[in-house]
Protein backbone atom coordinates (compact mmCIF):
# COMPACT_ATOMS: atom_id res chain seq x y z
CA MET A 1 -115.73 5.17 -26.18
CA SER A 2 -113.28 2.29 -25.77
CA GLY A 3 -110.69 1.88 -28.51
CA GLY A 4 -111.16 1.46 -32.22
CA LEU A 5 -112.65 3.88 -34.72
CA HIS A 6 -115.95 5.69 -34.29
CA ILE A 7 -117.28 7.77 -37.19
CA SER A 8 -120.44 9.64 -36.29
CA ASN A 9 -122.87 11.24 -38.74
CA LEU A 10 -120.22 11.97 -41.37
CA SER A 11 -121.32 13.91 -44.47
CA HIS A 12 -119.15 15.23 -47.26
CA ASP A 13 -119.77 17.26 -50.42
CA PHE A 14 -117.63 18.18 -53.40
CA ASP A 15 -118.86 21.59 -54.54
CA ASP A 16 -122.65 21.06 -54.76
CA LEU A 17 -122.47 17.28 -55.11
CA ALA A 18 -123.44 15.29 -51.99
CA VAL A 19 -121.01 12.34 -51.87
CA VAL A 20 -121.51 10.95 -48.35
CA ARG A 21 -124.61 11.57 -46.22
CA GLY A 22 -124.94 10.93 -42.47
CA VAL A 23 -122.79 7.80 -42.23
CA SER A 24 -121.89 6.34 -38.82
CA VAL A 25 -119.47 3.42 -38.47
CA PHE A 26 -117.84 1.75 -35.47
CA VAL A 27 -114.82 -0.55 -35.84
CA ALA A 28 -113.71 -2.29 -32.65
CA PRO A 29 -110.07 -3.22 -31.98
CA GLY A 30 -109.33 -6.47 -33.82
CA GLU A 31 -112.37 -6.11 -36.06
CA VAL A 32 -112.36 -5.81 -39.86
CA VAL A 33 -115.27 -3.79 -41.24
CA CYS A 34 -115.75 -3.71 -44.99
CA LEU A 35 -117.65 -0.99 -46.84
CA LEU A 36 -118.91 -2.58 -50.05
CA GLY A 37 -120.35 -0.66 -52.95
CA PRO A 38 -119.92 0.26 -56.62
CA SER A 39 -117.30 2.74 -57.81
CA GLY A 40 -118.34 6.33 -57.20
CA CYS A 41 -120.67 5.69 -54.25
CA GLY A 42 -118.48 7.56 -51.70
CA LYS A 43 -116.54 4.71 -50.04
CA THR A 44 -113.08 6.11 -50.68
CA THR A 45 -114.21 9.63 -49.77
CA LEU A 46 -115.43 8.34 -46.39
CA LEU A 47 -112.12 6.54 -45.86
CA ARG A 48 -110.08 9.64 -46.82
CA VAL A 49 -112.08 11.85 -44.46
CA ALA A 50 -111.77 9.32 -41.61
CA ALA A 51 -108.00 9.13 -42.19
CA GLY A 52 -107.69 12.93 -42.20
CA LEU A 53 -106.67 13.26 -45.85
CA GLU A 54 -109.81 15.34 -46.47
CA ARG A 55 -111.13 17.82 -43.95
CA LEU A 56 -114.30 16.75 -42.11
CA GLN A 57 -117.30 18.85 -43.16
CA ARG A 58 -120.01 17.41 -40.89
CA GLY A 59 -119.93 14.93 -37.99
CA HIS A 60 -117.09 13.84 -35.74
CA ILE A 61 -114.47 11.08 -35.57
CA HIS A 62 -112.90 9.36 -32.56
CA ILE A 63 -109.87 7.08 -32.62
CA GLY A 64 -109.72 5.31 -29.30
CA GLU A 65 -110.58 7.85 -26.61
CA THR A 66 -109.44 10.82 -28.70
CA ILE A 67 -111.53 13.08 -30.90
CA VAL A 68 -109.45 13.52 -34.06
CA ALA A 69 -111.98 15.55 -36.06
CA ASP A 70 -115.05 17.58 -35.14
CA ALA A 71 -116.81 19.63 -37.77
CA ALA A 72 -118.72 21.80 -35.28
CA SER A 73 -115.53 23.12 -33.67
CA GLY A 74 -113.36 22.91 -36.79
CA MET A 75 -110.94 20.58 -34.98
CA HIS A 76 -108.77 18.55 -37.39
CA THR A 77 -105.87 16.29 -36.41
CA PRO A 78 -103.55 15.65 -39.39
CA PRO A 79 -103.18 12.03 -40.58
CA GLU A 80 -99.62 11.65 -39.28
CA ARG A 81 -100.81 12.41 -35.74
CA ARG A 82 -103.83 10.06 -35.74
CA GLY A 83 -101.97 6.79 -35.13
CA ILE A 84 -103.28 5.25 -38.34
CA GLY A 85 -101.99 3.03 -41.13
CA LEU A 86 -102.97 3.61 -44.75
CA MET A 87 -102.80 1.25 -47.70
CA PHE A 88 -103.97 2.39 -51.11
CA GLN A 89 -104.85 0.27 -54.11
CA ASP A 90 -101.68 1.26 -56.00
CA TYR A 91 -99.56 0.14 -52.96
CA ALA A 92 -97.23 3.19 -53.37
CA LEU A 93 -94.04 1.27 -52.54
CA PHE A 94 -90.73 3.10 -52.74
CA PRO A 95 -88.97 1.77 -55.87
CA HIS A 96 -85.45 2.44 -54.49
CA LEU A 97 -86.05 0.41 -51.28
CA ASN A 98 -86.18 -3.37 -51.03
CA ALA A 99 -89.19 -5.11 -49.45
CA ARG A 100 -87.72 -5.15 -45.93
CA ASP A 101 -86.71 -1.47 -46.09
CA ASN A 102 -90.13 -0.48 -47.45
CA ILE A 103 -91.68 -2.07 -44.36
CA ARG A 104 -89.04 -0.59 -42.05
CA PHE A 105 -89.67 2.90 -43.44
CA GLY A 106 -92.86 3.31 -41.44
CA ILE A 107 -91.77 2.12 -38.00
CA GLY A 108 -90.35 5.33 -36.55
CA ALA A 109 -88.17 4.12 -33.69
CA ASP A 110 -85.94 1.38 -35.12
CA THR A 111 -85.92 -0.89 -32.05
CA ARG A 112 -84.84 -4.51 -31.80
CA GLU A 113 -88.45 -5.44 -31.04
CA ARG A 114 -89.78 -3.79 -34.21
CA ARG A 115 -87.02 -5.34 -36.34
CA GLN A 116 -88.04 -8.74 -34.94
CA TRP A 117 -91.68 -7.95 -35.74
CA ILE A 118 -90.67 -7.25 -39.34
CA GLU A 119 -88.85 -10.57 -39.64
CA ASN A 120 -91.80 -12.47 -38.12
CA ALA A 121 -94.25 -10.65 -40.36
CA LEU A 122 -92.16 -11.44 -43.46
CA GLU A 123 -92.32 -15.11 -42.44
CA ILE A 124 -96.10 -15.07 -41.82
CA MET A 125 -96.74 -13.38 -45.16
CA ASP A 126 -94.43 -15.79 -47.02
CA LEU A 127 -92.02 -12.99 -47.99
CA ARG A 128 -88.80 -13.96 -46.20
CA GLU A 129 -87.15 -15.18 -49.41
CA ARG A 130 -88.09 -11.92 -51.18
CA ALA A 131 -87.15 -9.50 -48.38
CA ASN A 132 -84.16 -8.09 -50.29
CA ASN A 133 -86.01 -7.76 -53.60
CA PHE A 134 -87.03 -4.41 -55.01
CA PRO A 135 -90.73 -3.76 -55.76
CA HIS A 136 -90.44 -4.09 -59.56
CA THR A 137 -89.22 -7.69 -59.12
CA LEU A 138 -92.17 -8.69 -56.89
CA SER A 139 -95.51 -10.06 -58.06
CA GLY A 140 -98.69 -8.04 -57.45
CA GLY A 141 -99.55 -10.22 -54.46
CA GLN A 142 -96.10 -9.80 -52.96
CA GLN A 143 -96.25 -6.02 -53.42
CA GLN A 144 -99.67 -5.98 -51.74
CA ARG A 145 -98.32 -7.86 -48.73
CA VAL A 146 -95.29 -5.56 -48.43
CA ALA A 147 -97.59 -2.51 -48.54
CA LEU A 148 -99.80 -4.04 -45.85
CA LEU A 149 -96.83 -4.76 -43.58
CA ARG A 150 -95.51 -1.22 -44.09
CA ALA A 151 -98.90 0.15 -42.99
CA LEU A 152 -98.89 -2.14 -39.92
CA ALA A 153 -95.23 -1.60 -38.94
CA PRO A 154 -95.78 1.54 -36.81
CA GLU A 155 -98.45 -0.31 -34.76
CA PRO A 156 -101.41 1.86 -35.75
CA SER A 157 -104.63 1.95 -33.74
CA VAL A 158 -106.64 1.95 -36.97
CA LEU A 159 -105.79 0.62 -40.43
CA PHE A 160 -107.47 1.97 -43.57
CA LEU A 161 -107.42 -0.23 -46.69
CA ASP A 162 -108.60 1.18 -50.03
CA GLU A 163 -109.38 -1.63 -52.53
CA PRO A 164 -106.41 -3.68 -51.26
CA PHE A 165 -107.03 -6.71 -53.52
CA SER A 166 -108.13 -5.00 -56.73
CA GLY A 167 -104.78 -5.40 -58.50
CA LEU A 168 -104.65 -9.16 -57.99
CA ASP A 169 -105.90 -11.90 -60.28
CA VAL A 170 -108.77 -14.04 -59.01
CA THR A 171 -106.67 -17.11 -58.19
CA ARG A 172 -104.12 -15.13 -56.15
CA ARG A 173 -106.74 -12.94 -54.44
CA ALA A 174 -108.19 -15.65 -52.15
CA ASN A 175 -104.76 -16.69 -50.84
CA VAL A 176 -103.59 -13.11 -50.22
CA ARG A 177 -106.91 -12.29 -48.53
CA GLN A 178 -106.44 -15.19 -46.09
CA GLN A 179 -102.86 -14.11 -45.28
CA THR A 180 -104.05 -10.53 -44.79
CA LEU A 181 -106.84 -11.55 -42.41
CA ALA A 182 -104.42 -13.74 -40.44
CA ILE A 183 -101.98 -10.91 -39.78
CA LEU A 184 -104.77 -8.41 -39.04
CA LYS A 185 -106.17 -10.82 -36.45
CA GLU A 186 -102.73 -11.26 -34.90
CA THR A 187 -102.09 -7.50 -34.62
CA GLY A 188 -105.57 -6.70 -33.24
CA VAL A 189 -105.79 -3.46 -35.21
CA ALA A 190 -109.22 -1.95 -35.98
CA THR A 191 -109.47 -2.16 -39.79
CA LEU A 192 -111.76 -0.29 -42.16
CA MET A 193 -111.61 -1.55 -45.73
CA VAL A 194 -113.44 -0.28 -48.80
CA THR A 195 -114.02 -2.37 -51.89
CA HIS A 196 -116.39 -2.85 -54.82
CA ASP A 197 -115.51 -6.56 -55.03
CA LEU A 198 -118.12 -8.77 -53.39
C-alpha cells in the first residue's frame, strides 16, 4: 500500500436498505477519481464513510500506509485525524470570515510557508482581488474556489469533493473545473469526487 486512498469491499446499509454494496476504489496520489451516478445511488454515502463521517459497516479503508477504518475489528479513526480535506456542495464557508481567513482557518500551524501558499493559491485561482471579501459578496464560482482552497490548506493526503460544481451555471462550470484540476495537479493530493453531472 503506497500512498493515496484504498477503499476495500465497502458496504453500507441504512436500516434494512442496502445503499452501497462491495465497492472497492483506489485513488493514487495526484490522481482524481470521479464516481458518477444519479442522485440516490450511494455516491455521497460512500464518500461520507470513506471520510469517517459515517461509521464503516463492512470492509476496510487505508489512507497512505495507515488503516483508518476496519469493520471486522471495529476500528474507526475520526475524520479530523485522517489527514483529509472535505468540500461539500453547499461550500459551508464561514460568513463572518473573509475569503483569505476562510482558507487560513483550516491550516493549523500558521507558518510563513503556509501563508505564502495561501497567497499563491489565491493568485492561481484568480481570487487575489477578492481575498478580503466576505462570502456573501462572492459569486458562486468564487465561493467554490475559496471552499476548495480551504480544504487543501492543511495539506491533506486525500481530498473528498461532494458535487463541487453543482451550484455553478454551465458557462462558469467549465472554467472553474479547469482551475480546480490545475491546483489539484499542483498539490498532488489523491482526490475522490462524486457527481451526477456527466
